Amino acid sequence: MYLCITICIGQTAFTVAISNPSNIIDNTSICVPLGAVVHYFLLSNFFWCFCIAFNFYQMIVKRNSGTRQLEKYYHLIGWGVPCISVMICAGFEKYGRTTRDSSASCYINDTVFVFATFFLPGLILLAANAVLFFFVASEIHGTLAKAPDSEQREKTKEFRVLISIFVTVGLSWIFAFFNAIFEQIPVLNYIVLVLMTIFTPLQGFFIFAAYCLNKKVQVNWMTFFSRCFPCCAVEGSIGSKQTTGTANTRGGSTAYSQTASGNSSNTRSYASRN
């Protein structure tokens, strides 16, 4: 949920900042705080992605069942650390009107500060996310090789969700960084810019597809609406619960299966909140 909040506010502020209305761009009292808001929430996006990746690593690789205790630190990192970069830029008065390729926007108006307070932290966090997700994917692959058929099907779904998360939170920003790196190469810059334009607006859609367009969520919605509308297929939710109970019984045959199943449940629970 928190990642979705940062994406929603950050992308909305970014759209307003680059829309180039003269009453905003030329108004310092609006342009300066708007640039700070864009900087803060886009940077917060990176840090929340890192928190999610680290949480997956703790639950799946380290088998840490007490990750809920870490949530307060995730809030401190996700909301607090970006404030440092924003305060540095604000202290040096680096927010305001900036012009690039004859188009004006509200953001950081100094290239050095853009690199030091946004580009570099984002690149480091993306690299860290890639490493963490590599270990997570390796652990899931090893679990799948040892699990029974029913558990393999469940873990395969989990693996697809993890890959979709990594693609969702990282791909559009990778293209954004490549766009900056290849700025002096027109052909590559254009190709990367097109890819970034395609994938960035779809970030929210991929999150929605990964967590909302699945049978478990649909059954929960059917159960919720059946309280007011009896015509909803409540039988589907009952069947789903019975199936879930049977799967849990089979999964409890060994301690390893119990641990893996618990980690999967915790992963889905935390990811849906973030």
C-alpha atoms as a PDB file:
ATOM      1  CA  MET A   1       0.000   0.000   0.000  1.00  0.00           C
ATOM      2  CA  TYR A   2       2.777   2.435   0.879  1.00  0.00           C
ATOM      3  CA  LEU A   3       4.534   1.817  -2.417  1.00  0.00           C
ATOM      4  CA  CYS A   4       1.271   2.518  -4.233  1.00  0.00           C
ATOM      5  CA  ILE A   5       0.899   5.785  -2.305  1.00  0.00           C
ATOM      6  CA  THR A   6       4.357   6.948  -3.324  1.00  0.00           C
ATOM      7  CA  ILE A   7       3.715   5.989  -6.960  1.00  0.00           C
ATOM      8  CA  CYS A   8       0.340   7.741  -7.036  1.00  0.00           C
ATOM      9  CA  ILE A   9       1.469  11.012  -5.456  1.00  0.00           C
ATOM     10  CA  GLY A  10       4.880  11.008  -7.139  1.00  0.00           C
ATOM     11  CA  GLN A  11       3.563  10.410 -10.649  1.00  0.00           C
ATOM     12  CA  THR A  12       0.740  12.910 -10.202  1.00  0.00           C
ATOM     13  CA  ALA A  13       3.123  15.613  -8.980  1.00  0.00           C
ATOM     14  CA  PHE A  14       5.577  14.753 -11.758  1.00  0.00           C
ATOM     15  CA  THR A  15       2.839  15.094 -14.394  1.00  0.00           C
ATOM     16  CA  VAL A  16       1.885  18.511 -13.051  1.00  0.00           C
ATOM     17  CA  ALA A  17       5.547  19.584 -12.830  1.00  0.00           C
ATOM     18  CA  ILE A  18       6.277  18.796 -16.485  1.00  0.00           C
ATOM     19  CA  SER A  19       2.941  19.944 -17.918  1.00  0.00           C
ATOM     20  CA  ASN A  20       4.506  23.420 -18.265  1.00  0.00           C
ATOM     21  CA  PRO A  21       1.612  25.691 -17.266  1.00  0.00           C
ATOM     22  CA  SER A  22       3.003  29.215 -16.969  1.00  0.00           C
ATOM     23  CA  ASN A  23       1.024  29.982 -13.807  1.00  0.00           C
ATOM     24  CA  ILE A  24       2.946  27.178 -12.036  1.00  0.00           C
ATOM     25  CA  ILE A  25       6.373  27.274 -13.704  1.00  0.00           C
ATOM     26  CA  ASP A  26       6.750  31.033 -13.282  1.00  0.00           C
ATOM     27  CA  ASN A  27       5.338  31.100  -9.744  1.00  0.00           C
ATOM     28  CA  THR A  28       8.187  30.415  -7.322  1.00  0.00           C
ATOM     29  CA  SER A  29       5.883  29.849  -4.353  1.00  0.00           C
ATOM     30  CA  ILE A  30       4.280  26.925  -6.241  1.00  0.00           C
ATOM     31  CA  CYS A  31       7.152  25.631  -8.375  1.00  0.00           C
ATOM     32  CA  VAL A  32       9.645  25.235  -5.511  1.00  0.00           C
ATOM     33  CA  PRO A  33       7.448  23.083  -3.227  1.00  0.00           C
ATOM     34  CA  LEU A  34       6.171  21.138  -6.256  1.00  0.00           C
ATOM     35  CA  GLY A  35       9.739  20.264  -7.219  1.00  0.00           C
ATOM     36  CA  ALA A  36      10.413  19.150  -3.641  1.00  0.00           C
ATOM     37  CA  VAL A  37       7.288  16.953  -3.639  1.00  0.00           C
ATOM     38  CA  VAL A  38       8.314  15.305  -6.917  1.00  0.00           C
ATOM     39  CA  HIS A  39      11.825  14.674  -5.599  1.00  0.00           C
ATOM     40  CA  TYR A  40      10.623  13.302  -2.265  1.00  0.00           C
ATOM     41  CA  PHE A  41       8.031  10.835  -3.533  1.00  0.00           C
ATOM     42  CA  LEU A  42      10.073   9.548  -6.463  1.00  0.00           C
ATOM     43  CA  LEU A  43      12.962   8.933  -4.081  1.00  0.00           C
ATOM     44  CA  SER A  44      10.607   7.395  -1.520  1.00  0.00           C
ATOM     45  CA  ASN A  45       9.508   5.018  -4.277  1.00  0.00           C
ATOM     46  CA  PHE A  46      13.068   3.661  -4.493  1.00  0.00           C
ATOM     47  CA  PHE A  47      13.377   3.200  -0.738  1.00  0.00           C
ATOM     48  CA  TRP A  48      10.028   1.418  -0.391  1.00  0.00           C
ATOM     49  CA  CYS A  49      11.034  -0.914  -3.228  1.00  0.00           C
ATOM     50  CA  PHE A  50      14.195  -1.690  -1.297  1.00  0.00           C
ATOM     51  CA  CYS A  51      12.215  -2.324   1.907  1.00  0.00           C
ATOM     52  CA  ILE A  52       9.940  -4.768   0.081  1.00  0.00           C
ATOM     53  CA  ALA A  53      12.906  -6.555  -1.499  1.00  0.00           C
ATOM     54  CA  PHE A  54      14.673  -6.794   1.865  1.00  0.00           C
ATOM     55  CA  ASN A  55      11.507  -8.099   3.518  1.00  0.00           C
ATOM     56  CA  PHE A  56      11.208 -10.830   0.889  1.00  0.00           C
ATOM     57  CA  TYR A  57      14.832 -11.727   1.510  1.00  0.00           C
ATOM     58  CA  GLN A  58      14.284 -11.978   5.273  1.00  0.00           C
ATOM     59  CA  MET A  59      11.166 -14.144   4.998  1.00  0.00           C
ATOM     60  CA  ILE A  60      12.149 -16.461   2.165  1.00  0.00           C
ATOM     61  CA  VAL A  61      15.937 -16.740   2.328  1.00  0.00           C
ATOM     62  CA  LYS A  62      16.604 -16.143   6.032  1.00  0.00           C
ATOM     63  CA  ARG A  63      13.333 -17.802   7.127  1.00  0.00           C
ATOM     64  CA  ASN A  64      12.674 -14.953   9.545  1.00  0.00           C
ATOM     65  CA  SER A  65       9.096 -15.207  10.801  1.00  0.00           C
ATOM     66  CA  GLY A  66       9.289 -11.994  12.839  1.00  0.00           C
ATOM     67  CA  THR A  67       9.470  -9.527   9.964  1.00  0.00           C
ATOM     68  CA  ARG A  68       6.459  -7.576  11.261  1.00  0.00           C
ATOM     69  CA  GLN A  69       8.767  -6.199  13.922  1.00  0.00           C
ATOM     70  CA  LEU A  70      10.860  -4.642  11.151  1.00  0.00           C
ATOM     71  CA  GLU A  71       7.966  -2.645   9.738  1.00  0.00           C
ATOM     72  CA  LYS A  72       8.677   0.407  11.902  1.00  0.00           C
ATOM     73  CA  TYR A  73      12.178   0.520  10.453  1.00  0.00           C
ATOM     74  CA  TYR A  74      10.756   0.249   6.944  1.00  0.00           C
ATOM     75  CA  HIS A  75       8.619   3.320   7.631  1.00  0.00           C
ATOM     76  CA  LEU A  76      11.666   5.145   8.945  1.00  0.00           C
ATOM     77  CA  ILE A  77      13.616   4.272   5.796  1.00  0.00           C
ATOM     78  CA  GLY A  78      10.794   4.698   3.299  1.00  0.00           C
ATOM     79  CA  TRP A  79       9.519   8.038   4.601  1.00  0.00           C
ATOM     80  CA  GLY A  80      12.472   9.390   6.581  1.00  0.00           C
ATOM     81  CA  VAL A  81      15.617   8.874   4.509  1.00  0.00           C
ATOM     82  CA  PRO A  82      14.288  10.736   1.418  1.00  0.00           C
ATOM     83  CA  CYS A  83      13.764  13.763   3.662  1.00  0.00           C
ATOM     84  CA  ILE A  84      17.552  14.082   4.005  1.00  0.00           C
ATOM     85  CA  SER A  85      18.026  14.568   0.260  1.00  0.00           C
ATOM     86  CA  VAL A  86      15.090  16.970   0.092  1.00  0.00           C
ATOM     87  CA  MET A  87      16.424  19.048   2.992  1.00  0.00           C
ATOM     88  CA  ILE A  88      19.876  19.216   1.382  1.00  0.00           C
ATOM     89  CA  CYS A  89      18.435  20.493  -1.905  1.00  0.00           C
ATOM     90  CA  ALA A  90      16.094  22.887  -0.123  1.00  0.00           C
ATOM     91  CA  GLY A  91      18.924  24.205   2.058  1.00  0.00           C
ATOM     92  CA  PHE A  92      20.967  25.075  -1.028  1.00  0.00           C
ATOM     93  CA  GLU A  93      17.865  26.457  -2.799  1.00  0.00           C
ATOM     94  CA  LYS A  94      18.109  24.023  -5.699  1.00  0.00           C
ATOM     95  CA  TYR A  95      14.377  23.607  -6.324  1.00  0.00           C
ATOM     96  CA  GLY A  96      12.587  25.682  -8.917  1.00  0.00           C
ATOM     97  CA  ARG A  97      12.261  26.196 -12.653  1.00  0.00           C
ATOM     98  CA  THR A  98      14.556  24.000 -14.716  1.00  0.00           C
ATOM     99  CA  THR A  99      14.832  23.867 -18.497  1.00  0.00           C
ATOM    100  CA  ARG A 100      15.821  20.858 -20.576  1.00  0.00           C
ATOM    101  CA  ASP A 101      15.478  20.512 -24.338  1.00  0.00           C
ATOM    102  CA  SER A 102      13.561  23.807 -24.506  1.00  0.00           C
ATOM    103  CA  SER A 103      10.898  22.511 -22.078  1.00  0.00           C
ATOM    104  CA  ALA A 104      10.525  23.903 -18.562  1.00  0.00           C
ATOM    105  CA  SER A 105       9.499  22.023 -15.436  1.00  0.00           C
ATOM    106  CA  CYS A 106       9.620  22.259 -11.653  1.00  0.00           C
ATOM    107  CA  TYR A 107      12.404  20.142 -10.202  1.00  0.00           C
ATOM    108  CA  ILE A 108      16.048  20.309  -9.067  1.00  0.00           C
ATOM    109  CA  ASN A 109      17.731  22.979 -11.187  1.00  0.00           C
ATOM    110  CA  ASP A 110      21.332  21.836 -10.629  1.00  0.00           C
ATOM    111  CA  THR A 111      22.793  18.823 -12.459  1.00  0.00           C
ATOM    112  CA  VAL A 112      25.228  17.981  -9.672  1.00  0.00           C
ATOM    113  CA  PHE A 113      22.442  17.852  -7.087  1.00  0.00           C
ATOM    114  CA  VAL A 114      20.267  15.751  -9.403  1.00  0.00           C
ATOM    115  CA  PHE A 115      23.089  13.216  -9.637  1.00  0.00           C
ATOM    116  CA  ALA A 116      24.014  13.251  -5.940  1.00  0.00           C
ATOM    117  CA  THR A 117      20.536  13.298  -4.377  1.00  0.00           C
ATOM    118  CA  PHE A 118      18.490  11.319  -6.883  1.00  0.00           C
ATOM    119  CA  PHE A 119      20.402   9.507  -9.626  1.00  0.00           C
ATOM    120  CA  LEU A 120      23.109   7.947  -7.438  1.00  0.00           C
ATOM    121  CA  PRO A 121      20.851   6.797  -4.533  1.00  0.00           C
ATOM    122  CA  GLY A 122      18.326   5.390  -6.997  1.00  0.00           C
ATOM    123  CA  LEU A 123      20.989   3.494  -8.923  1.00  0.00           C
ATOM    124  CA  ILE A 124      22.447   2.004  -5.730  1.00  0.00           C
ATOM    125  CA  LEU A 125      19.000   0.925  -4.501  1.00  0.00           C
ATOM    126  CA  LEU A 126      18.095  -0.641  -7.841  1.00  0.00           C
ATOM    127  CA  ALA A 127      21.338  -2.628  -7.781  1.00  0.00           C
ATOM    128  CA  ALA A 128      20.629  -3.744  -4.196  1.00  0.00           C
ATOM    129  CA  ASN A 129      17.096  -4.798  -5.179  1.00  0.00           C
ATOM    130  CA  ALA A 130      18.462  -6.848  -8.059  1.00  0.00           C
ATOM    131  CA  VAL A 131      20.863  -8.693  -5.748  1.00  0.00           C
ATOM    132  CA  LEU A 132      18.162  -9.370  -3.128  1.00  0.00           C
ATOM    133  CA  PHE A 133      15.666 -10.634  -5.664  1.00  0.00           C
ATOM    134  CA  PHE A 134      18.333 -12.889  -7.154  1.00  0.00           C
ATOM    135  CA  PHE A 135      18.755 -14.622  -3.780  1.00  0.00           C
ATOM    136  CA  VAL A 136      14.970 -14.804  -3.336  1.00  0.00           C
ATOM    137  CA  ALA A 137      14.465 -16.346  -6.776  1.00  0.00           C
ATOM    138  CA  SER A 138      17.277 -18.848  -6.130  1.00  0.00           C
ATOM    139  CA  GLU A 139      15.719 -19.891  -2.827  1.00  0.00           C
ATOM    140  CA  ILE A 140      12.284 -20.345  -4.400  1.00  0.00           C
ATOM    141  CA  HIS A 141      13.804 -22.391  -7.198  1.00  0.00           C
ATOM    142  CA  GLY A 142      15.486 -24.655  -4.642  1.00  0.00           C
ATOM    143  CA  THR A 143      12.237 -25.013  -2.687  1.00  0.00           C
ATOM    144  CA  LEU A 144      10.315 -25.936  -5.844  1.00  0.00           C
ATOM    145  CA  ALA A 145      12.776 -28.724  -6.601  1.00  0.00           C
ATOM    146  CA  LYS A 146      12.093 -30.374  -3.220  1.00  0.00           C
ATOM    147  CA  ALA A 147       8.380 -29.644  -2.802  1.00  0.00           C
ATOM    148  CA  PRO A 148       5.481 -31.992  -3.685  1.00  0.00           C
ATOM    149  CA  ASP A 149       3.369 -31.272  -6.764  1.00  0.00           C
ATOM    150  CA  SER A 150       0.693 -29.269  -4.937  1.00  0.00           C
ATOM    151  CA  GLU A 151       3.319 -27.133  -3.230  1.00  0.00           C
ATOM    152  CA  GLN A 152       5.163 -26.664  -6.520  1.00  0.00           C
ATOM    153  CA  ARG A 153       2.071 -25.182  -8.144  1.00  0.00           C
ATOM    154  CA  GLU A 154       1.665 -22.756  -5.248  1.00  0.00           C
ATOM    155  CA  LYS A 155       5.333 -21.807  -5.299  1.00  0.00           C
ATOM    156  CA  THR A 156       5.243 -21.318  -9.062  1.00  0.00           C
ATOM    157  CA  LYS A 157       2.509 -18.721  -8.598  1.00  0.00           C
ATOM    158  CA  GLU A 158       4.581 -17.087  -5.874  1.00  0.00           C
ATOM    159  CA  PHE A 159       7.624 -17.005  -8.137  1.00  0.00           C
ATOM    160  CA  ARG A 160       5.611 -15.301 -10.900  1.00  0.00           C
ATOM    161  CA  VAL A 161       4.416 -12.698  -8.421  1.00  0.00           C
ATOM    162  CA  LEU A 162       7.983 -11.984  -7.270  1.00  0.00           C
ATOM    163  CA  ILE A 163       9.219 -11.603 -10.839  1.00  0.00           C
ATOM    164  CA  SER A 164       6.312  -9.304 -11.649  1.00  0.00           C
ATOM    165  CA  ILE A 165       7.167  -7.201  -8.593  1.00  0.00           C
ATOM    166  CA  PHE A 166      10.795  -6.890  -9.640  1.00  0.00           C
ATOM    167  CA  VAL A 167       9.824  -5.941 -13.176  1.00  0.00           C
ATOM    168  CA  THR A 168       7.217  -3.535 -11.889  1.00  0.00           C
ATOM    169  CA  VAL A 169       9.365  -1.641  -9.405  1.00  0.00           C
ATOM    170  CA  GLY A 170      12.597  -1.683 -11.382  1.00  0.00           C
ATOM    171  CA  LEU A 171      12.131  -1.834 -15.121  1.00  0.00           C
ATOM    172  CA  SER A 172      10.778   1.651 -15.768  1.00  0.00           C
ATOM    173  CA  TRP A 173      13.499   3.212 -13.601  1.00  0.00           C
ATOM    174  CA  ILE A 174      16.217   1.219 -15.333  1.00  0.00           C
ATOM    175  CA  PHE A 175      15.045   2.738 -18.600  1.00  0.00           C
ATOM    176  CA  ALA A 176      15.038   6.171 -16.966  1.00  0.00           C
ATOM    177  CA  PHE A 177      18.672   5.766 -15.903  1.00  0.00           C
ATOM    178  CA  PHE A 178      19.637   4.486 -19.340  1.00  0.00           C
ATOM    179  CA  ASN A 179      17.923   7.522 -20.812  1.00  0.00           C
ATOM    180  CA  ALA A 180      20.214   9.771 -18.787  1.00  0.00           C
ATOM    181  CA  ILE A 181      23.310   7.697 -19.582  1.00  0.00           C
ATOM    182  CA  PHE A 182      22.637   7.608 -23.338  1.00  0.00           C
ATOM    183  CA  GLU A 183      21.602  11.237 -23.513  1.00  0.00           C
ATOM    184  CA  GLN A 184      24.393  12.060 -25.981  1.00  0.00           C
ATOM    185  CA  ILE A 185      23.551   9.113 -28.286  1.00  0.00           C
ATOM    186  CA  PRO A 186      20.350  10.141 -30.115  1.00  0.00           C
ATOM    187  CA  VAL A 187      19.278   6.724 -31.417  1.00  0.00           C
ATOM    188  CA  LEU A 188      19.746   4.843 -28.126  1.00  0.00           C
ATOM    189  CA  ASN A 189      18.296   7.744 -26.177  1.00  0.00           C
ATOM    190  CA  TYR A 190      15.151   7.695 -28.317  1.00  0.00           C
ATOM    191  CA  ILE A 191      14.715   3.914 -27.995  1.00  0.00           C
ATOM    192  CA  VAL A 192      15.124   3.984 -24.210  1.00  0.00           C
ATOM    193  CA  LEU A 193      12.812   6.990 -23.937  1.00  0.00           C
ATOM    194  CA  VAL A 194      10.079   5.111 -25.818  1.00  0.00           C
ATOM    195  CA  LEU A 195      10.478   2.059 -23.555  1.00  0.00           C
ATOM    196  CA  MET A 196      10.391   4.238 -20.444  1.00  0.00           C
ATOM    197  CA  THR A 197       7.260   5.989 -21.728  1.00  0.00           C
ATOM    198  CA  ILE A 198       5.572   2.622 -22.248  1.00  0.00           C
ATOM    199  CA  PHE A 199       6.502   0.900 -18.989  1.00  0.00           C
ATOM    200  CA  THR A 200       6.301   3.785 -16.506  1.00  0.00           C
ATOM    201  CA  PRO A 201       2.521   4.377 -16.872  1.00  0.00           C
ATOM    202  CA  LEU A 202       1.960   0.607 -16.642  1.00  0.00           C
ATOM    203  CA  GLN A 203       3.695   0.308 -13.264  1.00  0.00           C
ATOM    204  CA  GLY A 204       0.471   0.662 -11.318  1.00  0.00           C
ATOM    205  CA  PHE A 205      -1.358  -1.679 -13.695  1.00  0.00           C
ATOM    206  CA  PHE A 206       1.227  -4.418 -13.178  1.00  0.00           C
ATOM    207  CA  ILE A 207       0.848  -4.123  -9.402  1.00  0.00           C
ATOM    208  CA  PHE A 208      -2.938  -4.318  -9.782  1.00  0.00           C
ATOM    209  CA  ALA A 209      -2.681  -7.360 -12.065  1.00  0.00           C
ATOM    210  CA  ALA A 210      -0.240  -9.145  -9.746  1.00  0.00           C
ATOM    211  CA  TYR A 211      -2.315  -8.759  -6.572  1.00  0.00           C
ATOM    212  CA  CYS A 212      -5.921  -8.179  -7.634  1.00  0.00           C
ATOM    213  CA  LEU A 213      -6.505 -10.308 -10.737  1.00  0.00           C
ATOM    214  CA  ASN A 214      -6.201 -13.639  -8.970  1.00  0.00           C
ATOM    215  CA  LYS A 215      -8.745 -16.150  -7.733  1.00  0.00           C
ATOM    216  CA  LYS A 216      -8.058 -15.650  -4.030  1.00  0.00           C
ATOM    217  CA  VAL A 217      -8.768 -11.912  -4.162  1.00  0.00           C
ATOM    218  CA  GLN A 218     -11.861 -12.468  -6.318  1.00  0.00           C
ATOM    219  CA  VAL A 219     -13.237 -14.991  -3.826  1.00  0.00           C
ATOM    220  CA  ASN A 220     -12.657 -12.544  -0.960  1.00  0.00           C
ATOM    221  CA  TRP A 221     -14.532  -9.823  -2.841  1.00  0.00           C
ATOM    222  CA  MET A 222     -17.369 -12.267  -3.580  1.00  0.00           C
ATOM    223  CA  THR A 223     -17.566 -13.167   0.106  1.00  0.00           C
ATOM    224  CA  PHE A 224     -17.648  -9.480   1.066  1.00  0.00           C
ATOM    225  CA  PHE A 225     -20.396  -8.541  -1.392  1.00  0.00           C
ATOM    226  CA  SER A 226     -22.424 -11.660  -0.584  1.00  0.00           C
ATOM    227  CA  ARG A 227     -23.277 -10.075   2.772  1.00  0.00           C
ATOM    228  CA  CYS A 228     -25.356  -7.467   0.926  1.00  0.00           C
ATOM    229  CA  PHE A 229     -26.063  -9.317  -2.325  1.00  0.00           C
ATOM    230  CA  PRO A 230     -26.872 -12.996  -1.726  1.00  0.00           C
ATOM    231  CA  CYS A 231     -26.806 -13.614  -5.472  1.00  0.00           C
ATOM    232  CA  CYS A 232     -22.986 -13.501  -5.375  1.00  0.00           C
ATOM    233  CA  ALA A 233     -21.369 -16.905  -5.649  1.00  0.00           C
ATOM    234  CA  VAL A 234     -20.619 -17.516  -1.995  1.00  0.00           C
ATOM    235  CA  GLU A 235     -20.141 -21.196  -2.818  1.00  0.00           C
ATOM    236  CA  GLY A 236     -16.896 -20.254  -4.574  1.00  0.00           C
ATOM    237  CA  SER A 237     -15.486 -18.830  -1.366  1.00  0.00           C
ATOM    238  CA  ILE A 238     -16.471 -21.928   0.596  1.00  0.00           C
ATOM    239  CA  GLY A 239     -14.852 -24.175  -1.970  1.00  0.00           C
ATOM    240  CA  SER A 240     -11.768 -22.047  -1.935  1.00  0.00           C
ATOM    241  CA  LYS A 241     -11.522 -22.262   1.836  1.00  0.00           C
ATOM    242  CA  GLN A 242     -11.906 -26.023   1.737  1.00  0.00           C
ATOM    243  CA  THR A 243      -9.236 -26.286  -0.928  1.00  0.00           C
ATOM    244  CA  THR A 244      -6.949 -24.041   1.079  1.00  0.00           C
ATOM    245  CA  GLY A 245      -7.496 -26.144   4.191  1.00  0.00           C
ATOM    246  CA  THR A 246      -6.721 -29.347   2.300  1.00  0.00           C
ATOM    247  CA  ALA A 247      -3.561 -27.829   0.826  1.00  0.00           C
ATOM    248  CA  ASN A 248      -2.464 -26.683   4.270  1.00  0.00           C
ATOM    249  CA  THR A 249      -3.029 -30.206   5.648  1.00  0.00           C
ATOM    250  CA  ARG A 250      -0.879 -31.705   2.929  1.00  0.00           C
ATOM    251  CA  GLY A 251       1.710 -28.998   3.408  1.00  0.00           C
ATOM    252  CA  GLY A 252       1.943 -29.813   7.106  1.00  0.00           C
ATOM    253  CA  SER A 253       3.344 -33.297   6.471  1.00  0.00           C
ATOM    254  CA  THR A 254       6.900 -32.064   6.963  1.00  0.00           C
ATOM    255  CA  ALA A 255       8.496 -29.244   8.901  1.00  0.00           C
ATOM    256  CA  TYR A 256      10.134 -27.952   5.726  1.00  0.00           C
ATOM    257  CA  SER A 257       6.807 -27.644   3.928  1.00  0.00           C
ATOM    258  CA  GLN A 258       5.314 -25.830   6.902  1.00  0.00           C
ATOM    259  CA  THR A 259       8.147 -23.310   6.922  1.00  0.00           C
ATOM    260  CA  ALA A 260       7.967 -22.731   3.173  1.00  0.00           C
ATOM    261  CA  SER A 261       4.188 -22.346   3.260  1.00  0.00           C
ATOM    262  CA  GLY A 262       4.402 -19.909   6.174  1.00  0.00           C
ATOM    263  CA  ASN A 263       7.004 -17.838   4.383  1.00  0.00           C
ATOM    264  CA  SER A 264       4.834 -17.692   1.257  1.00  0.00           C
ATOM    265  CA  SER A 265       1.819 -16.569   3.287  1.00  0.00           C
ATOM    266  CA  ASN A 266       3.833 -13.868   5.051  1.00  0.00           C
ATOM    267  CA  THR A 267       5.261 -12.710   1.743  1.00  0.00           C
ATOM    268  CA  ARG A 268       1.872 -12.275   0.145  1.00  0.00           C
ATOM    269  CA  SER A 269       0.537 -10.547   3.258  1.00  0.00           C
ATOM    270  CA  TYR A 270       3.332  -7.992   3.451  1.00  0.00           C
ATOM    271  CA  ALA A 271       3.408  -7.365  -0.284  1.00  0.00           C
ATOM    272  CA  SER A 272      -0.328  -6.660  -0.371  1.00  0.00           C
ATOM    273  CA  ARG A 273       0.099  -4.043   2.328  1.00  0.00           C
ATOM    274  CA  ASN A 274       2.944  -2.335   0.458  1.00  0.00           C
END
